[in-house]
Amino acid sequence: MSIETQPFDPAVYVETPEAAAAYLDEALATGDAAFIADALGVLARAKGMTEVAEAAGLGRQSLYKALAAEGNPRFDTVLKVVSALGLRLSTAPVK
């Protein structure tokens, strides 16, 4: 008997702004730039890539490219995407 699997897409489970903020907080806590970019891509897909691209003043294809696994988004792009997602970055002291 074989087991059938399907790809997991975390974007399906991000249904509220609070969930989006928690997801991005956890990604930021890793300190892994690639994972943070991926998390932004997940959140953009959850909200709608076209909507996020327009709100960020970016082309949809450019946004896909910047947030792809091999992408390396500029910090201004990250800030635009975070804002378009209705979120903001903040800091806290490391314990």
N, C-alpha and C. Protein backbone atom coordinates (compact mmCIF):
# COMPACT_ATOMS: atom_id res chain seq x y z
N MET A 1 0.84 -1.17 0.00
CA MET A 1 0.00 0.00 0.00
C MET A 1 0.89 1.25 0.00
N SER A 2 0.68 2.13 -0.94
CA SER A 2 1.48 3.35 -1.01
C SER A 2 0.72 4.52 -0.37
N ILE A 3 1.48 5.45 0.14
CA ILE A 3 0.91 6.63 0.76
C ILE A 3 1.00 7.78 -0.23
N GLU A 4 -0.10 8.45 -0.44
CA GLU A 4 -0.12 9.59 -1.34
C GLU A 4 0.06 10.87 -0.52
N THR A 5 1.01 11.69 -0.92
CA THR A 5 1.26 12.95 -0.21
C THR A 5 0.98 14.12 -1.14
N GLN A 6 0.78 15.27 -0.54
CA GLN A 6 0.58 16.50 -1.30
C GLN A 6 1.50 17.57 -0.73
N PRO A 7 1.92 18.49 -1.57
CA PRO A 7 2.81 19.55 -1.09
C PRO A 7 2.13 20.37 0.01
N PHE A 8 2.93 20.80 0.98
CA PHE A 8 2.43 21.62 2.08
C PHE A 8 2.63 23.09 1.72
N ASP A 9 1.59 23.89 1.84
CA ASP A 9 1.70 25.32 1.59
C ASP A 9 1.23 26.07 2.82
N PRO A 10 2.16 26.64 3.58
CA PRO A 10 1.77 27.34 4.80
C PRO A 10 0.88 28.55 4.54
N ALA A 11 0.89 29.08 3.32
CA ALA A 11 0.05 30.25 3.00
C ALA A 11 -1.42 29.96 3.23
N VAL A 12 -1.81 28.72 3.09
CA VAL A 12 -3.22 28.33 3.28
C VAL A 12 -3.66 28.57 4.72
N TYR A 13 -2.72 28.52 5.66
CA TYR A 13 -3.07 28.60 7.08
C TYR A 13 -2.90 30.00 7.68
N VAL A 14 -2.44 30.95 6.89
CA VAL A 14 -2.28 32.32 7.38
C VAL A 14 -3.55 33.08 7.03
N GLU A 15 -4.46 33.13 7.98
CA GLU A 15 -5.79 33.69 7.70
C GLU A 15 -6.07 35.02 8.38
N THR A 16 -5.21 35.45 9.30
CA THR A 16 -5.45 36.70 10.02
C THR A 16 -4.16 37.52 10.07
N PRO A 17 -4.30 38.83 10.30
CA PRO A 17 -3.09 39.64 10.45
C PRO A 17 -2.23 39.18 11.63
N GLU A 18 -2.85 38.69 12.67
CA GLU A 18 -2.11 38.19 13.84
C GLU A 18 -1.30 36.95 13.47
N ALA A 19 -1.88 36.08 12.67
CA ALA A 19 -1.15 34.89 12.22
C ALA A 19 0.02 35.29 11.33
N ALA A 20 -0.18 36.28 10.46
CA ALA A 20 0.89 36.75 9.59
C ALA A 20 2.03 37.34 10.42
N ALA A 21 1.68 38.14 11.43
CA ALA A 21 2.70 38.75 12.29
C ALA A 21 3.47 37.68 13.05
N ALA A 22 2.78 36.68 13.56
CA ALA A 22 3.45 35.61 14.30
C ALA A 22 4.37 34.82 13.38
N TYR A 23 3.93 34.55 12.16
CA TYR A 23 4.74 33.80 11.20
C TYR A 23 6.02 34.57 10.88
N LEU A 24 5.88 35.89 10.62
CA LEU A 24 7.05 36.69 10.30
C LEU A 24 7.97 36.83 11.51
N ASP A 25 7.41 36.98 12.70
CA ASP A 25 8.23 37.05 13.93
C ASP A 25 9.10 35.80 14.07
N GLU A 26 8.50 34.65 13.86
CA GLU A 26 9.26 33.39 13.98
C GLU A 26 10.34 33.30 12.92
N ALA A 27 10.04 33.76 11.71
CA ALA A 27 11.05 33.74 10.66
C ALA A 27 12.21 34.67 11.01
N LEU A 28 11.88 35.88 11.50
CA LEU A 28 12.92 36.83 11.88
C LEU A 28 13.79 36.28 13.02
N ALA A 29 13.19 35.54 13.92
CA ALA A 29 13.92 34.99 15.06
C ALA A 29 14.99 34.00 14.63
N THR A 30 14.84 33.40 13.44
CA THR A 30 15.85 32.44 12.98
C THR A 30 17.14 33.14 12.55
N GLY A 31 17.04 34.39 12.13
CA GLY A 31 18.21 35.09 11.64
C GLY A 31 18.66 34.62 10.26
N ASP A 32 17.89 33.77 9.63
CA ASP A 32 18.22 33.21 8.32
C ASP A 32 17.56 34.05 7.23
N ALA A 33 18.37 34.82 6.50
CA ALA A 33 17.84 35.74 5.50
C ALA A 33 16.99 35.03 4.44
N ALA A 34 17.42 33.86 4.00
CA ALA A 34 16.66 33.12 2.99
C ALA A 34 15.30 32.69 3.54
N PHE A 35 15.28 32.25 4.79
CA PHE A 35 14.02 31.83 5.40
C PHE A 35 13.09 33.02 5.58
N ILE A 36 13.64 34.18 5.94
CA ILE A 36 12.83 35.39 6.10
C ILE A 36 12.22 35.80 4.76
N ALA A 37 13.02 35.77 3.70
CA ALA A 37 12.50 36.08 2.37
C ALA A 37 11.41 35.10 1.97
N ASP A 38 11.62 33.81 2.27
CA ASP A 38 10.61 32.80 1.97
C ASP A 38 9.34 33.08 2.76
N ALA A 39 9.46 33.45 4.03
CA ALA A 39 8.29 33.75 4.85
C ALA A 39 7.52 34.93 4.27
N LEU A 40 8.23 35.94 3.79
CA LEU A 40 7.55 37.07 3.14
C LEU A 40 6.81 36.61 1.89
N GLY A 41 7.40 35.68 1.15
CA GLY A 41 6.73 35.12 -0.01
C GLY A 41 5.48 34.34 0.36
N VAL A 42 5.56 33.58 1.44
CA VAL A 42 4.39 32.84 1.94
C VAL A 42 3.28 33.82 2.29
N LEU A 43 3.63 34.88 3.01
CA LEU A 43 2.63 35.86 3.43
C LEU A 43 2.05 36.61 2.23
N ALA A 44 2.89 36.90 1.25
CA ALA A 44 2.40 37.57 0.04
C ALA A 44 1.43 36.67 -0.72
N ARG A 45 1.73 35.38 -0.81
CA ARG A 45 0.80 34.45 -1.45
C ARG A 45 -0.50 34.34 -0.67
N ALA A 46 -0.40 34.36 0.65
CA ALA A 46 -1.59 34.26 1.49
C ALA A 46 -2.51 35.46 1.27
N LYS A 47 -1.94 36.63 1.11
CA LYS A 47 -2.73 37.85 0.92
C LYS A 47 -3.13 38.05 -0.53
N GLY A 48 -2.31 37.53 -1.43
CA GLY A 48 -2.53 37.71 -2.86
C GLY A 48 -1.34 38.43 -3.45
N MET A 49 -0.56 37.72 -4.22
CA MET A 49 0.70 38.27 -4.74
C MET A 49 0.46 39.54 -5.55
N THR A 50 -0.57 39.58 -6.38
CA THR A 50 -0.84 40.76 -7.19
C THR A 50 -1.17 41.96 -6.31
N GLU A 51 -2.01 41.74 -5.32
CA GLU A 51 -2.40 42.82 -4.40
C GLU A 51 -1.18 43.36 -3.64
N VAL A 52 -0.33 42.48 -3.16
CA VAL A 52 0.86 42.89 -2.42
C VAL A 52 1.83 43.62 -3.35
N ALA A 53 2.02 43.12 -4.55
CA ALA A 53 2.92 43.77 -5.50
C ALA A 53 2.45 45.18 -5.81
N GLU A 54 1.16 45.34 -6.05
CA GLU A 54 0.62 46.67 -6.35
C GLU A 54 0.78 47.61 -5.16
N ALA A 55 0.46 47.14 -3.96
CA ALA A 55 0.57 47.97 -2.76
C ALA A 55 2.03 48.34 -2.47
N ALA A 56 2.96 47.48 -2.86
CA ALA A 56 4.38 47.73 -2.62
C ALA A 56 5.01 48.54 -3.76
N GLY A 57 4.25 48.76 -4.82
CA GLY A 57 4.78 49.50 -5.96
C GLY A 57 5.78 48.70 -6.77
N LEU A 58 5.58 47.39 -6.81
CA LEU A 58 6.49 46.49 -7.52
C LEU A 58 5.72 45.70 -8.57
N GLY A 59 6.41 45.20 -9.56
CA GLY A 59 5.80 44.30 -10.51
C GLY A 59 5.63 42.92 -9.87
N ARG A 60 4.58 42.22 -10.24
CA ARG A 60 4.31 40.91 -9.65
C ARG A 60 5.47 39.94 -9.90
N GLN A 61 6.00 39.94 -11.13
CA GLN A 61 7.11 39.04 -11.45
C GLN A 61 8.36 39.42 -10.67
N SER A 62 8.60 40.71 -10.50
CA SER A 62 9.75 41.16 -9.71
C SER A 62 9.63 40.70 -8.27
N LEU A 63 8.41 40.76 -7.75
CA LEU A 63 8.18 40.32 -6.37
C LEU A 63 8.42 38.82 -6.24
N TYR A 64 7.89 38.04 -7.17
CA TYR A 64 8.15 36.60 -7.15
C TYR A 64 9.65 36.32 -7.17
N LYS A 65 10.37 37.03 -8.04
CA LYS A 65 11.81 36.81 -8.17
C LYS A 65 12.54 37.19 -6.88
N ALA A 66 12.18 38.32 -6.29
CA ALA A 66 12.86 38.78 -5.08
C ALA A 66 12.64 37.83 -3.91
N LEU A 67 11.44 37.24 -3.83
CA LEU A 67 11.10 36.41 -2.68
C LEU A 67 11.27 34.92 -2.95
N ALA A 68 11.83 34.57 -4.09
CA ALA A 68 12.09 33.16 -4.41
C ALA A 68 13.22 32.64 -3.53
N ALA A 69 13.35 31.34 -3.44
CA ALA A 69 14.38 30.71 -2.61
C ALA A 69 15.78 31.21 -2.95
N GLU A 70 16.04 31.44 -4.23
CA GLU A 70 17.35 31.93 -4.64
C GLU A 70 17.39 33.46 -4.76
N GLY A 71 16.29 34.11 -4.40
CA GLY A 71 16.24 35.57 -4.45
C GLY A 71 17.03 36.20 -3.31
N ASN A 72 17.33 37.47 -3.49
CA ASN A 72 18.06 38.21 -2.46
C ASN A 72 17.48 39.62 -2.46
N PRO A 73 16.31 39.80 -1.82
CA PRO A 73 15.65 41.10 -1.92
C PRO A 73 16.43 42.20 -1.23
N ARG A 74 16.37 43.38 -1.83
CA ARG A 74 16.98 44.55 -1.20
C ARG A 74 16.16 44.90 0.03
N PHE A 75 16.79 45.59 0.97
CA PHE A 75 16.10 45.91 2.21
C PHE A 75 14.90 46.83 1.96
N ASP A 76 15.01 47.74 1.00
CA ASP A 76 13.86 48.60 0.71
C ASP A 76 12.70 47.79 0.16
N THR A 77 12.99 46.73 -0.57
CA THR A 77 11.93 45.84 -1.06
C THR A 77 11.27 45.13 0.12
N VAL A 78 12.08 44.66 1.05
CA VAL A 78 11.55 43.99 2.25
C VAL A 78 10.61 44.95 2.99
N LEU A 79 11.04 46.19 3.18
CA LEU A 79 10.21 47.16 3.89
C LEU A 79 8.91 47.44 3.15
N LYS A 80 8.97 47.55 1.84
CA LYS A 80 7.76 47.78 1.04
C LYS A 80 6.79 46.60 1.17
N VAL A 81 7.32 45.39 1.11
CA VAL A 81 6.47 44.20 1.20
C VAL A 81 5.85 44.09 2.59
N VAL A 82 6.64 44.32 3.62
CA VAL A 82 6.12 44.26 4.99
C VAL A 82 4.98 45.27 5.15
N SER A 83 5.17 46.47 4.64
CA SER A 83 4.13 47.49 4.71
C SER A 83 2.89 47.08 3.92
N ALA A 84 3.10 46.54 2.72
CA ALA A 84 1.98 46.09 1.88
C ALA A 84 1.20 44.95 2.54
N LEU A 85 1.86 44.19 3.41
CA LEU A 85 1.20 43.12 4.13
C LEU A 85 0.43 43.64 5.35
N GLY A 86 0.56 44.94 5.60
CA GLY A 86 -0.12 45.52 6.77
C GLY A 86 0.62 45.24 8.06
N LEU A 87 1.92 45.02 7.96
CA LEU A 87 2.75 44.72 9.12
C LEU A 87 3.84 45.78 9.25
N ARG A 88 4.56 45.74 10.36
CA ARG A 88 5.73 46.59 10.53
C ARG A 88 6.78 45.80 11.29
N LEU A 89 8.01 46.14 11.05
CA LEU A 89 9.11 45.51 11.77
C LEU A 89 9.34 46.26 13.07
N SER A 90 9.70 45.56 14.09
CA SER A 90 10.05 46.20 15.36
C SER A 90 11.18 45.41 15.99
N THR A 91 11.74 45.96 17.05
CA THR A 91 12.86 45.31 17.69
C THR A 91 12.57 45.04 19.17
N ALA A 92 13.31 44.12 19.72
CA ALA A 92 13.24 43.81 21.14
C ALA A 92 14.62 43.37 21.57
N PRO A 93 14.98 43.63 22.81
CA PRO A 93 16.31 43.20 23.27
C PRO A 93 16.42 41.68 23.26
N VAL A 94 17.61 41.19 22.95
CA VAL A 94 17.87 39.76 22.99
C VAL A 94 18.11 39.40 24.46
N LYS A 95 17.49 38.33 24.87
CA LYS A 95 17.63 37.91 26.27
C LYS A 95 18.86 37.07 26.46
